Amino acid sequence: MSREKGNIAESKAVSFLQESGYEILEQNFYSRFGEIDIIVMKDNALHFVEVKSGEDYESAIYNITPQKLSRIIKTAQVYMKKHNFDSDYVFDAVVVTPDKLLLVENITL
């Protein structure tokens, strides 16, 4: 996927999350391990959100590999340490297709 398409998907995901009551804390947080697309807060829990887009749900969600999830987790640990965050947290995904956006909560492999 081109960076432009990725930026459009992330922009749609940010709007979707805001409309769903999430507070956007940061976008595109980088560490030496990788990147987290969007970091949000809702109901006193921190959500690390990976945005994936595709022509359909399956083609998008299957791009979250075990290696990608491992990098997200390590990067989340860096973020929490940097911000002295010690509370509940979860890893989510927003899947962006031409027809809809879907929040997949608590992604695990």
PDB file of N, CA and C in Angstrom:
ATOM      1  N   MET A   1       0.848  -1.165   0.000  1.00  0.00           N
ATOM      2  CA  MET A   1       0.000   0.000   0.000  1.00  0.00           C
ATOM      3  C   MET A   1       0.897   1.233   0.000  1.00  0.00           C
ATOM      4  N   SER A   2       0.498   2.226  -0.753  1.00  0.00           N
ATOM      5  CA  SER A   2       1.288   3.455  -0.798  1.00  0.00           C
ATOM      6  C   SER A   2       1.116   4.231   0.498  1.00  0.00           C
ATOM      7  N   ARG A   3       2.082   5.087   0.776  1.00  0.00           N
ATOM      8  CA  ARG A   3       2.013   5.916   1.993  1.00  0.00           C
ATOM      9  C   ARG A   3       0.788   6.825   1.955  1.00  0.00           C
ATOM     10  N   GLU A   4       0.433   7.299   0.745  1.00  0.00           N
ATOM     11  CA  GLU A   4      -0.744   8.168   0.617  1.00  0.00           C
ATOM     12  C   GLU A   4      -2.020   7.419   1.011  1.00  0.00           C
ATOM     13  N   LYS A   5      -2.164   6.186   0.544  1.00  0.00           N
ATOM     14  CA  LYS A   5      -3.334   5.387   0.916  1.00  0.00           C
ATOM     15  C   LYS A   5      -3.338   5.111   2.415  1.00  0.00           C
ATOM     16  N   GLY A   6      -2.152   4.870   2.965  1.00  0.00           N
ATOM     17  CA  GLY A   6      -2.041   4.637   4.400  1.00  0.00           C
ATOM     18  C   GLY A   6      -2.457   5.862   5.196  1.00  0.00           C
ATOM     19  N   ASN A   7      -2.036   7.036   4.740  1.00  0.00           N
ATOM     20  CA  ASN A   7      -2.415   8.283   5.421  1.00  0.00           C
ATOM     21  C   ASN A   7      -3.918   8.516   5.369  1.00  0.00           C
ATOM     22  N   ILE A   8      -4.534   8.211   4.240  1.00  0.00           N
ATOM     23  CA  ILE A   8      -5.985   8.364   4.112  1.00  0.00           C
ATOM     24  C   ILE A   8      -6.695   7.411   5.067  1.00  0.00           C
ATOM     25  N   ALA A   9      -6.231   6.162   5.135  1.00  0.00           N
ATOM     26  CA  ALA A   9      -6.843   5.177   6.042  1.00  0.00           C
ATOM     27  C   ALA A   9      -6.683   5.617   7.495  1.00  0.00           C
ATOM     28  N   GLU A  10      -5.504   6.121   7.862  1.00  0.00           N
ATOM     29  CA  GLU A  10      -5.283   6.577   9.237  1.00  0.00           C
ATOM     30  C   GLU A  10      -6.164   7.767   9.573  1.00  0.00           C
ATOM     31  N   SER A  11      -6.327   8.672   8.627  1.00  0.00           N
ATOM     32  CA  SER A  11      -7.190   9.831   8.845  1.00  0.00           C
ATOM     33  C   SER A  11      -8.632   9.396   9.081  1.00  0.00           C
ATOM     34  N   LYS A  12      -9.109   8.462   8.291  1.00  0.00           N
ATOM     35  CA  LYS A  12     -10.462   7.923   8.484  1.00  0.00           C
ATOM     36  C   LYS A  12     -10.573   7.236   9.843  1.00  0.00           C
ATOM     37  N   ALA A  13      -9.542   6.502  10.230  1.00  0.00           N
ATOM     38  CA  ALA A  13      -9.563   5.794  11.515  1.00  0.00           C
ATOM     39  C   ALA A  13      -9.590   6.776  12.678  1.00  0.00           C
ATOM     40  N   VAL A  14      -8.824   7.866  12.587  1.00  0.00           N
ATOM     41  CA  VAL A  14      -8.816   8.877  13.652  1.00  0.00           C
ATOM     42  C   VAL A  14     -10.213   9.466  13.815  1.00  0.00           C
ATOM     43  N   SER A  15     -10.843   9.844  12.721  1.00  0.00           N
ATOM     44  CA  SER A  15     -12.201  10.401  12.785  1.00  0.00           C
ATOM     45  C   SER A  15     -13.176   9.394  13.382  1.00  0.00           C
ATOM     46  N   PHE A  16     -13.067   8.151  12.949  1.00  0.00           N
ATOM     47  CA  PHE A  16     -13.929   7.081  13.445  1.00  0.00           C
ATOM     48  C   PHE A  16     -13.765   6.899  14.957  1.00  0.00           C
ATOM     49  N   LEU A  17     -12.523   6.894  15.426  1.00  0.00           N
ATOM     50  CA  LEU A  17     -12.270   6.714  16.857  1.00  0.00           C
ATOM     51  C   LEU A  17     -12.795   7.904  17.662  1.00  0.00           C
ATOM     52  N   GLN A  18     -12.582   9.119  17.166  1.00  0.00           N
ATOM     53  CA  GLN A  18     -13.091  10.303  17.859  1.00  0.00           C
ATOM     54  C   GLN A  18     -14.611  10.264  17.958  1.00  0.00           C
ATOM     55  N   GLU A  19     -15.275   9.892  16.873  1.00  0.00           N
ATOM     56  CA  GLU A  19     -16.730   9.784  16.866  1.00  0.00           C
ATOM     57  C   GLU A  19     -17.214   8.690  17.812  1.00  0.00           C
ATOM     58  N   SER A  20     -16.353   7.718  18.092  1.00  0.00           N
ATOM     59  CA  SER A  20     -16.705   6.609  18.991  1.00  0.00           C
ATOM     60  C   SER A  20     -16.339   6.903  20.442  1.00  0.00           C
ATOM     61  N   GLY A  21     -15.884   8.131  20.720  1.00  0.00           N
ATOM     62  CA  GLY A  21     -15.616   8.536  22.095  1.00  0.00           C
ATOM     63  C   GLY A  21     -14.201   8.350  22.586  1.00  0.00           C
ATOM     64  N   TYR A  22     -13.274   8.056  21.690  1.00  0.00           N
ATOM     65  CA  TYR A  22     -11.873   7.898  22.074  1.00  0.00           C
ATOM     66  C   TYR A  22     -11.176   9.255  22.028  1.00  0.00           C
ATOM     67  N   GLU A  23     -10.247   9.471  22.967  1.00  0.00           N
ATOM     68  CA  GLU A  23      -9.434  10.675  22.969  1.00  0.00           C
ATOM     69  C   GLU A  23      -8.105  10.348  22.300  1.00  0.00           C
ATOM     70  N   ILE A  24      -7.787  11.051  21.233  1.00  0.00           N
ATOM     71  CA  ILE A  24      -6.549  10.822  20.506  1.00  0.00           C
ATOM     72  C   ILE A  24      -5.390  11.418  21.306  1.00  0.00           C
ATOM     73  N   LEU A  25      -4.427  10.598  21.672  1.00  0.00           N
ATOM     74  CA  LEU A  25      -3.255  11.072  22.408  1.00  0.00           C
ATOM     75  C   LEU A  25      -2.064  11.314  21.487  1.00  0.00           C
ATOM     76  N   GLU A  26      -1.894  10.426  20.518  1.00  0.00           N
ATOM     77  CA  GLU A  26      -0.723  10.540  19.650  1.00  0.00           C
ATOM     78  C   GLU A  26      -0.944   9.708  18.388  1.00  0.00           C
ATOM     79  N   GLN A  27      -0.318  10.163  17.308  1.00  0.00           N
ATOM     80  CA  GLN A  27      -0.327   9.411  16.059  1.00  0.00           C
ATOM     81  C   GLN A  27       1.111   9.156  15.634  1.00  0.00           C
ATOM     82  N   ASN A  28       1.314   8.020  15.020  1.00  0.00           N
ATOM     83  CA  ASN A  28       2.618   7.647  14.462  1.00  0.00           C
ATOM     84  C   ASN A  28       3.739   7.769  15.488  1.00  0.00           C
ATOM     85  N   PHE A  29       3.580   7.064  16.596  1.00  0.00           N
ATOM     86  CA  PHE A  29       4.613   7.024  17.629  1.00  0.00           C
ATOM     87  C   PHE A  29       5.668   5.996  17.218  1.00  0.00           C
ATOM     88  N   TYR A  30       6.918   6.448  17.162  1.00  0.00           N
ATOM     89  CA  TYR A  30       8.020   5.588  16.732  1.00  0.00           C
ATOM     90  C   TYR A  30       8.941   5.248  17.895  1.00  0.00           C
ATOM     91  N   SER A  31       9.458   4.032  17.864  1.00  0.00           N
ATOM     92  CA  SER A  31      10.554   3.619  18.734  1.00  0.00           C
ATOM     93  C   SER A  31      11.528   2.850  17.851  1.00  0.00           C
ATOM     94  N   ARG A  32      12.606   2.403  18.446  1.00  0.00           N
ATOM     95  CA  ARG A  32      13.565   1.624  17.646  1.00  0.00           C
ATOM     96  C   ARG A  32      12.981   0.275  17.223  1.00  0.00           C
ATOM     97  N   PHE A  33      11.873  -0.120  17.841  1.00  0.00           N
ATOM     98  CA  PHE A  33      11.243  -1.405  17.522  1.00  0.00           C
ATOM     99  C   PHE A  33      10.223  -1.311  16.399  1.00  0.00           C
ATOM    100  N   GLY A  34       9.616  -0.112  16.242  1.00  0.00           N
ATOM    101  CA  GLY A  34       8.589   0.026  15.221  1.00  0.00           C
ATOM    102  C   GLY A  34       7.714   1.236  15.473  1.00  0.00           C
ATOM    103  N   GLU A  35       6.513   1.184  14.930  1.00  0.00           N
ATOM    104  CA  GLU A  35       5.583   2.310  14.987  1.00  0.00           C
ATOM    105  C   GLU A  35       4.218   1.849  15.478  1.00  0.00           C
ATOM    106  N   ILE A  36       3.555   2.737  16.204  1.00  0.00           N
ATOM    107  CA  ILE A  36       2.150   2.543  16.548  1.00  0.00           C
ATOM    108  C   ILE A  36       1.384   3.633  15.819  1.00  0.00           C
ATOM    109  N   ASP A  37       0.373   3.239  15.058  1.00  0.00           N
ATOM    110  CA  ASP A  37      -0.354   4.193  14.228  1.00  0.00           C
ATOM    111  C   ASP A  37      -1.086   5.247  15.058  1.00  0.00           C
ATOM    112  N   ILE A  38      -1.889   4.793  16.026  1.00  0.00           N
ATOM    113  CA  ILE A  38      -2.697   5.725  16.816  1.00  0.00           C
ATOM    114  C   ILE A  38      -2.712   5.241  18.266  1.00  0.00           C
ATOM    115  N   ILE A  39      -2.558   6.186  19.185  1.00  0.00           N
ATOM    116  CA  ILE A  39      -2.664   5.872  20.615  1.00  0.00           C
ATOM    117  C   ILE A  39      -3.819   6.705  21.146  1.00  0.00           C
ATOM    118  N   VAL A  40      -4.782   6.017  21.773  1.00  0.00           N
ATOM    119  CA  VAL A  40      -5.995   6.681  22.255  1.00  0.00           C
ATOM    120  C   VAL A  40      -6.307   6.258  23.681  1.00  0.00           C
ATOM    121  N   MET A  41      -7.185   7.038  24.316  1.00  0.00           N
ATOM    122  CA  MET A  41      -7.632   6.732  25.679  1.00  0.00           C
ATOM    123  C   MET A  41      -9.159   6.686  25.675  1.00  0.00           C
ATOM    124  N   LYS A  42      -9.698   5.704  26.369  1.00  0.00           N
ATOM    125  CA  LYS A  42     -11.146   5.620  26.582  1.00  0.00           C
ATOM    126  C   LYS A  42     -11.387   4.800  27.835  1.00  0.00           C
ATOM    127  N   ASP A  43     -12.270   5.294  28.682  1.00  0.00           N
ATOM    128  CA  ASP A  43     -12.649   4.596  29.915  1.00  0.00           C
ATOM    129  C   ASP A  43     -11.423   4.222  30.752  1.00  0.00           C
ATOM    130  N   ASN A  44     -10.499   5.158  30.884  1.00  0.00           N
ATOM    131  CA  ASN A  44      -9.289   4.993  31.685  1.00  0.00           C
ATOM    132  C   ASN A  44      -8.386   3.854  31.221  1.00  0.00           C
ATOM    133  N   ALA A  45      -8.516   3.483  29.971  1.00  0.00           N
ATOM    134  CA  ALA A  45      -7.633   2.459  29.402  1.00  0.00           C
ATOM    135  C   ALA A  45      -6.948   3.033  28.168  1.00  0.00           C
ATOM    136  N   LEU A  46      -5.675   2.712  28.037  1.00  0.00           N
ATOM    137  CA  LEU A  46      -4.888   3.138  26.895  1.00  0.00           C
ATOM    138  C   LEU A  46      -5.051   2.106  25.790  1.00  0.00           C
ATOM    139  N   HIS A  47      -5.309   2.577  24.566  1.00  0.00           N
ATOM    140  CA  HIS A  47      -5.492   1.689  23.417  1.00  0.00           C
ATOM    141  C   HIS A  47      -4.414   1.996  22.386  1.00  0.00           C
ATOM    142  N   PHE A  48      -3.667   0.977  22.014  1.00  0.00           N
ATOM    143  CA  PHE A  48      -2.671   1.093  20.953  1.00  0.00           C
ATOM    144  C   PHE A  48      -3.321   0.513  19.700  1.00  0.00           C
ATOM    145  N   VAL A  49      -3.508   1.362  18.697  1.00  0.00           N
ATOM    146  CA  VAL A  49      -4.330   0.988  17.545  1.00  0.00           C
ATOM    147  C   VAL A  49      -3.487   0.875  16.274  1.00  0.00           C
ATOM    148  N   GLU A  50      -3.584  -0.263  15.642  1.00  0.00           N
ATOM    149  CA  GLU A  50      -2.963  -0.508  14.345  1.00  0.00           C
ATOM    150  C   GLU A  50      -4.050  -0.317  13.282  1.00  0.00           C
ATOM    151  N   VAL A  51      -3.747   0.445  12.248  1.00  0.00           N
ATOM    152  CA  VAL A  51      -4.693   0.687  11.165  1.00  0.00           C
ATOM    153  C   VAL A  51      -4.281  -0.157   9.971  1.00  0.00           C
ATOM    154  N   LYS A  52      -5.230  -0.912   9.447  1.00  0.00           N
ATOM    155  CA  LYS A  52      -4.985  -1.723   8.258  1.00  0.00           C
ATOM    156  C   LYS A  52      -6.120  -1.486   7.274  1.00  0.00           C
ATOM    157  N   SER A  53      -5.764  -1.336   6.011  1.00  0.00           N
ATOM    158  CA  SER A  53      -6.790  -1.143   4.998  1.00  0.00           C
ATOM    159  C   SER A  53      -6.622  -2.173   3.895  1.00  0.00           C
ATOM    160  N   GLY A  54      -7.715  -2.411   3.201  1.00  0.00           N
ATOM    161  CA  GLY A  54      -7.706  -3.361   2.101  1.00  0.00           C
ATOM    162  C   GLY A  54      -9.046  -3.375   1.411  1.00  0.00           C
ATOM    163  N   GLU A  55      -9.112  -4.154   0.373  1.00  0.00           N
ATOM    164  CA  GLU A  55     -10.371  -4.259  -0.380  1.00  0.00           C
ATOM    165  C   GLU A  55     -11.454  -4.976   0.421  1.00  0.00           C
ATOM    166  N   ASP A  56     -11.036  -5.829   1.364  1.00  0.00           N
ATOM    167  CA  ASP A  56     -11.997  -6.504   2.235  1.00  0.00           C
ATOM    168  C   ASP A  56     -11.337  -6.741   3.590  1.00  0.00           C
ATOM    169  N   TYR A  57     -12.138  -7.170   4.547  1.00  0.00           N
ATOM    170  CA  TYR A  57     -11.673  -7.366   5.926  1.00  0.00           C
ATOM    171  C   TYR A  57     -10.491  -8.332   5.986  1.00  0.00           C
ATOM    172  N   GLU A  58     -10.620  -9.453   5.317  1.00  0.00           N
ATOM    173  CA  GLU A  58      -9.593 -10.490   5.416  1.00  0.00           C
ATOM    174  C   GLU A  58      -8.247 -10.016   4.873  1.00  0.00           C
ATOM    175  N   SER A  59      -8.261  -9.355   3.737  1.00  0.00           N
ATOM    176  CA  SER A  59      -6.988  -8.916   3.161  1.00  0.00           C
ATOM    177  C   SER A  59      -6.306  -7.878   4.039  1.00  0.00           C
ATOM    178  N   ALA A  60      -7.080  -7.129   4.810  1.00  0.00           N
ATOM    179  CA  ALA A  60      -6.508  -6.124   5.707  1.00  0.00           C
ATOM    180  C   ALA A  60      -6.021  -6.749   7.014  1.00  0.00           C
ATOM    181  N   ILE A  61      -6.867  -7.496   7.685  1.00  0.00           N
ATOM    182  CA  ILE A  61      -6.555  -7.986   9.032  1.00  0.00           C
ATOM    183  C   ILE A  61      -5.408  -8.996   9.012  1.00  0.00           C
ATOM    184  N   TYR A  62      -5.273  -9.758   7.936  1.00  0.00           N
ATOM    185  CA  TYR A  62      -4.200 -10.752   7.884  1.00  0.00           C
ATOM    186  C   TYR A  62      -2.823 -10.136   7.707  1.00  0.00           C
ATOM    187  N   ASN A  63      -2.773  -8.817   7.520  1.00  0.00           N
ATOM    188  CA  ASN A  63      -1.481  -8.131   7.463  1.00  0.00           C
ATOM    189  C   ASN A  63      -0.920  -7.843   8.849  1.00  0.00           C
ATOM    190  N   ILE A  64      -1.669  -8.158   9.885  1.00  0.00           N
ATOM    191  CA  ILE A  64      -1.138  -8.048  11.245  1.00  0.00           C
ATOM    192  C   ILE A  64      -0.540  -9.412  11.590  1.00  0.00           C
ATOM    193  N   THR A  65       0.741  -9.517  11.384  1.00  0.00           N
ATOM    194  CA  THR A  65       1.457 -10.779  11.584  1.00  0.00           C
ATOM    195  C   THR A  65       1.944 -10.875  13.029  1.00  0.00           C
ATOM    196  N   PRO A  66       2.364 -12.064  13.458  1.00  0.00           N
ATOM    197  CA  PRO A  66       2.949 -12.182  14.795  1.00  0.00           C
ATOM    198  C   PRO A  66       4.152 -11.248  14.982  1.00  0.00           C
ATOM    199  N   GLN A  67       4.963 -11.089  13.941  1.00  0.00           N
ATOM    200  CA  GLN A  67       6.119 -10.203  14.032  1.00  0.00           C
ATOM    201  C   GLN A  67       5.674  -8.748  14.197  1.00  0.00           C
ATOM    202  N   LYS A  68       4.648  -8.340  13.454  1.00  0.00           N
ATOM    203  CA  LYS A  68       4.136  -6.973  13.551  1.00  0.00           C
ATOM    204  C   LYS A  68       3.575  -6.729  14.944  1.00  0.00           C
ATOM    205  N   LEU A  69       2.808  -7.652  15.467  1.00  0.00           N
ATOM    206  CA  LEU A  69       2.230  -7.505  16.801  1.00  0.00           C
ATOM    207  C   LEU A  69       3.332  -7.435  17.856  1.00  0.00           C
ATOM    208  N   SER A  70       4.381  -8.209  17.699  1.00  0.00           N
ATOM    209  CA  SER A  70       5.508  -8.169  18.633  1.00  0.00           C
ATOM    210  C   SER A  70       6.161  -6.786  18.635  1.00  0.00           C
ATOM    211  N   ARG A  71       6.339  -6.192  17.457  1.00  0.00           N
ATOM    212  CA  ARG A  71       6.919  -4.848  17.373  1.00  0.00           C
ATOM    213  C   ARG A  71       5.994  -3.803  18.004  1.00  0.00           C
ATOM    214  N   ILE A  72       4.700  -3.967  17.807  1.00  0.00           N
ATOM    215  CA  ILE A  72       3.727  -3.045  18.411  1.00  0.00           C
ATOM    216  C   ILE A  72       3.805  -3.128  19.931  1.00  0.00           C
ATOM    217  N   ILE A  73       3.874  -4.327  20.464  1.00  0.00           N
ATOM    218  CA  ILE A  73       3.937  -4.518  21.915  1.00  0.00           C
ATOM    219  C   ILE A  73       5.207  -3.889  22.487  1.00  0.00           C
ATOM    220  N   LYS A  74       6.344  -4.116  21.839  1.00  0.00           N
ATOM    221  CA  LYS A  74       7.594  -3.515  22.315  1.00  0.00           C
ATOM    222  C   LYS A  74       7.539  -1.991  22.247  1.00  0.00           C
ATOM    223  N   THR A  75       6.964  -1.465  21.190  1.00  0.00           N
ATOM    224  CA  THR A  75       6.849  -0.011  21.050  1.00  0.00           C
ATOM    225  C   THR A  75       5.889   0.548  22.096  1.00  0.00           C
ATOM    226  N   ALA A  76       4.828  -0.172  22.394  1.00  0.00           N
ATOM    227  CA  ALA A  76       3.886   0.254  23.439  1.00  0.00           C
ATOM    228  C   ALA A  76       4.588   0.310  24.794  1.00  0.00           C
ATOM    229  N   GLN A  77       5.444  -0.645  25.066  1.00  0.00           N
ATOM    230  CA  GLN A  77       6.188  -0.634  26.325  1.00  0.00           C
ATOM    231  C   GLN A  77       7.087   0.596  26.420  1.00  0.00           C
ATOM    232  N   VAL A  78       7.703   0.981  25.305  1.00  0.00           N
ATOM    233  CA  VAL A  78       8.522   2.195  25.275  1.00  0.00           C
ATOM    234  C   VAL A  78       7.648   3.417  25.569  1.00  0.00           C
ATOM    235  N   TYR A  79       6.488   3.487  24.930  1.00  0.00           N
ATOM    236  CA  TYR A  79       5.574   4.622  25.136  1.00  0.00           C
ATOM    237  C   TYR A  79       5.153   4.723  26.602  1.00  0.00           C
ATOM    238  N   MET A  80       4.762   3.601  27.191  1.00  0.00           N
ATOM    239  CA  MET A  80       4.286   3.615  28.582  1.00  0.00           C
ATOM    240  C   MET A  80       5.405   4.011  29.539  1.00  0.00           C
ATOM    241  N   LYS A  81       6.611   3.544  29.284  1.00  0.00           N
ATOM    242  CA  LYS A  81       7.738   3.911  30.143  1.00  0.00           C
ATOM    243  C   LYS A  81       8.054   5.398  29.992  1.00  0.00           C
ATOM    244  N   LYS A  82       8.064   5.885  28.769  1.00  0.00           N
ATOM    245  CA  LYS A  82       8.365   7.293  28.496  1.00  0.00           C
ATOM    246  C   LYS A  82       7.358   8.227  29.163  1.00  0.00           C
ATOM    247  N   HIS A  83       6.093   7.812  29.217  1.00  0.00           N
ATOM    248  CA  HIS A  83       5.021   8.648  29.761  1.00  0.00           C
ATOM    249  C   HIS A  83       4.607   8.233  31.180  1.00  0.00           C
ATOM    250  N   ASN A  84       5.394   7.366  31.810  1.00  0.00           N
ATOM    251  CA  ASN A  84       5.097   6.886  33.169  1.00  0.00           C
ATOM    252  C   ASN A  84       3.654   6.416  33.300  1.00  0.00           C
ATOM    253  N   PHE A  85       3.219   5.638  32.342  1.00  0.00           N
ATOM    254  CA  PHE A  85       1.847   5.147  32.322  1.00  0.00           C
ATOM    255  C   PHE A  85       1.790   3.777  32.976  1.00  0.00           C
ATOM    256  N   ASP A  86       0.966   3.655  33.992  1.00  0.00           N
ATOM    257  CA  ASP A  86       0.835   2.397  34.717  1.00  0.00           C
ATOM    258  C   ASP A  86      -0.637   2.127  34.981  1.00  0.00           C
ATOM    259  N   SER A  87      -1.327   1.666  33.954  1.00  0.00           N
ATOM    260  CA  SER A  87      -2.761   1.395  34.070  1.00  0.00           C
ATOM    261  C   SER A  87      -3.132   0.350  33.017  1.00  0.00           C
ATOM    262  N   ASP A  88      -4.420   0.174  32.822  1.00  0.00           N
ATOM    263  CA  ASP A  88      -4.883  -0.808  31.844  1.00  0.00           C
ATOM    264  C   ASP A  88      -4.549  -0.350  30.428  1.00  0.00           C
ATOM    265  N   TYR A  89      -4.242  -1.318  29.575  1.00  0.00           N
ATOM    266  CA  TYR A  89      -3.990  -1.020  28.169  1.00  0.00           C
ATOM    267  C   TYR A  89      -4.409  -2.222  27.326  1.00  0.00           C
ATOM    268  N   VAL A  90      -4.640  -1.936  26.043  1.00  0.00           N
ATOM    269  CA  VAL A  90      -5.109  -2.977  25.138  1.00  0.00           C
ATOM    270  C   VAL A  90      -4.583  -2.668  23.734  1.00  0.00           C
ATOM    271  N   PHE A  91      -4.483  -3.690  22.908  1.00  0.00           N
ATOM    272  CA  PHE A  91      -4.051  -3.542  21.521  1.00  0.00           C
ATOM    273  C   PHE A  91      -5.262  -3.793  20.628  1.00  0.00           C
ATOM    274  N   ASP A  92      -5.585  -2.796  19.797  1.00  0.00           N
ATOM    275  CA  ASP A  92      -6.739  -2.871  18.914  1.00  0.00           C
ATOM    276  C   ASP A  92      -6.295  -2.658  17.471  1.00  0.00           C
ATOM    277  N   ALA A  93      -7.228  -2.880  16.552  1.00  0.00           N
ATOM    278  CA  ALA A  93      -6.994  -2.578  15.144  1.00  0.00           C
ATOM    279  C   ALA A  93      -8.234  -1.902  14.588  1.00  0.00           C
ATOM    280  N   VAL A  94      -8.034  -0.994  13.658  1.00  0.00           N
ATOM    281  CA  VAL A  94      -9.131  -0.448  12.877  1.00  0.00           C
ATOM    282  C   VAL A  94      -8.908  -0.919  11.450  1.00  0.00           C
ATOM    283  N   VAL A  95      -9.885  -1.648  10.936  1.00  0.00           N
ATOM    284  CA  VAL A  95      -9.816  -2.158   9.575  1.00  0.00           C
ATOM    285  C   VAL A  95     -10.634  -1.216   8.692  1.00  0.00           C
ATOM    286  N   VAL A  96      -9.972  -0.694   7.661  1.00  0.00           N
ATOM    287  CA  VAL A  96     -10.603   0.249   6.747  1.00  0.00           C
ATOM    288  C   VAL A  96     -10.774  -0.436   5.399  1.00  0.00           C
ATOM    289  N   THR A  97     -12.032  -0.589   4.968  1.00  0.00           N
ATOM    290  CA  THR A  97     -12.332  -1.128   3.646  1.00  0.00           C
ATOM    291  C   THR A  97     -13.105  -0.056   2.881  1.00  0.00           C
ATOM    292  N   PRO A  98     -13.296  -0.244   1.587  1.00  0.00           N
ATOM    293  CA  PRO A  98     -14.052   0.769   0.839  1.00  0.00           C
ATOM    294  C   PRO A  98     -15.472   0.973   1.375  1.00  0.00           C
ATOM    295  N   ASP A  99     -16.044  -0.048   2.015  1.00  0.00           N
ATOM    296  CA  ASP A  99     -17.433   0.027   2.468  1.00  0.00           C
ATOM    297  C   ASP A  99     -17.614   0.451   3.917  1.00  0.00           C
ATOM    298  N   LYS A 100     -16.615   0.162   4.787  1.00  0.00           N
ATOM    299  CA  LYS A 100     -16.820   0.442   6.209  1.00  0.00           C
ATOM    300  C   LYS A 100     -15.515   0.459   6.980  1.00  0.00           C
ATOM    301  N   LEU A 101     -15.630   0.897   8.227  1.00  0.00           N
ATOM    302  CA  LEU A 101     -14.536   0.833   9.182  1.00  0.00           C
ATOM    303  C   LEU A 101     -14.991  -0.063  10.320  1.00  0.00           C
ATOM    304  N   LEU A 102     -14.087  -0.891  10.807  1.00  0.00           N
ATOM    305  CA  LEU A 102     -14.429  -1.834  11.866  1.00  0.00           C
ATOM    306  C   LEU A 102     -13.343  -1.799  12.928  1.00  0.00           C
ATOM    307  N   LEU A 103     -13.745  -1.622  14.170  1.00  0.00           N
ATOM    308  CA  LEU A 103     -12.819  -1.673  15.293  1.00  0.00           C
ATOM    309  C   LEU A 103     -12.741  -3.113  15.785  1.00  0.00           C
ATOM    310  N   VAL A 104     -11.533  -3.654  15.800  1.00  0.00           N
ATOM    311  CA  VAL A 104     -11.289  -5.005  16.310  1.00  0.00           C
ATOM    312  C   VAL A 104     -10.547  -4.815  17.621  1.00  0.00           C
ATOM    313  N   GLU A 105     -11.221  -5.098  18.719  1.00  0.00           N
ATOM    314  CA  GLU A 105     -10.651  -4.861  20.037  1.00  0.00           C
ATOM    315  C   GLU A 105      -9.840  -6.060  20.495  1.00  0.00           C
ATOM    316  N   ASN A 106      -8.777  -5.755  21.252  1.00  0.00           N
ATOM    317  CA  ASN A 106      -7.954  -6.753  21.911  1.00  0.00           C
ATOM    318  C   ASN A 106      -7.423  -7.796  20.925  1.00  0.00           C
ATOM    319  N   ILE A 107      -6.658  -7.315  19.960  1.00  0.00           N
ATOM    320  CA  ILE A 107      -6.101  -8.241  18.961  1.00  0.00           C
ATOM    321  C   ILE A 107      -5.013  -9.083  19.595  1.00  0.00           C
ATOM    322  N   THR A 108      -5.056 -10.352  19.296  1.00  0.00           N
ATOM    323  CA  THR A 108      -4.037 -11.302  19.726  1.00  0.00           C
ATOM    324  C   THR A 108      -3.870 -12.320  18.621  1.00  0.00           C
ATOM    325  N   LEU A 109      -2.769 -13.007  18.663  1.00  0.00           N
ATOM    326  CA  LEU A 109      -2.530 -14.036  17.644  1.00  0.00           C
ATOM    327  C   LEU A 109      -2.397 -15.386  18.292  1.00  0.00           C
TER     328      LEU A 109
END
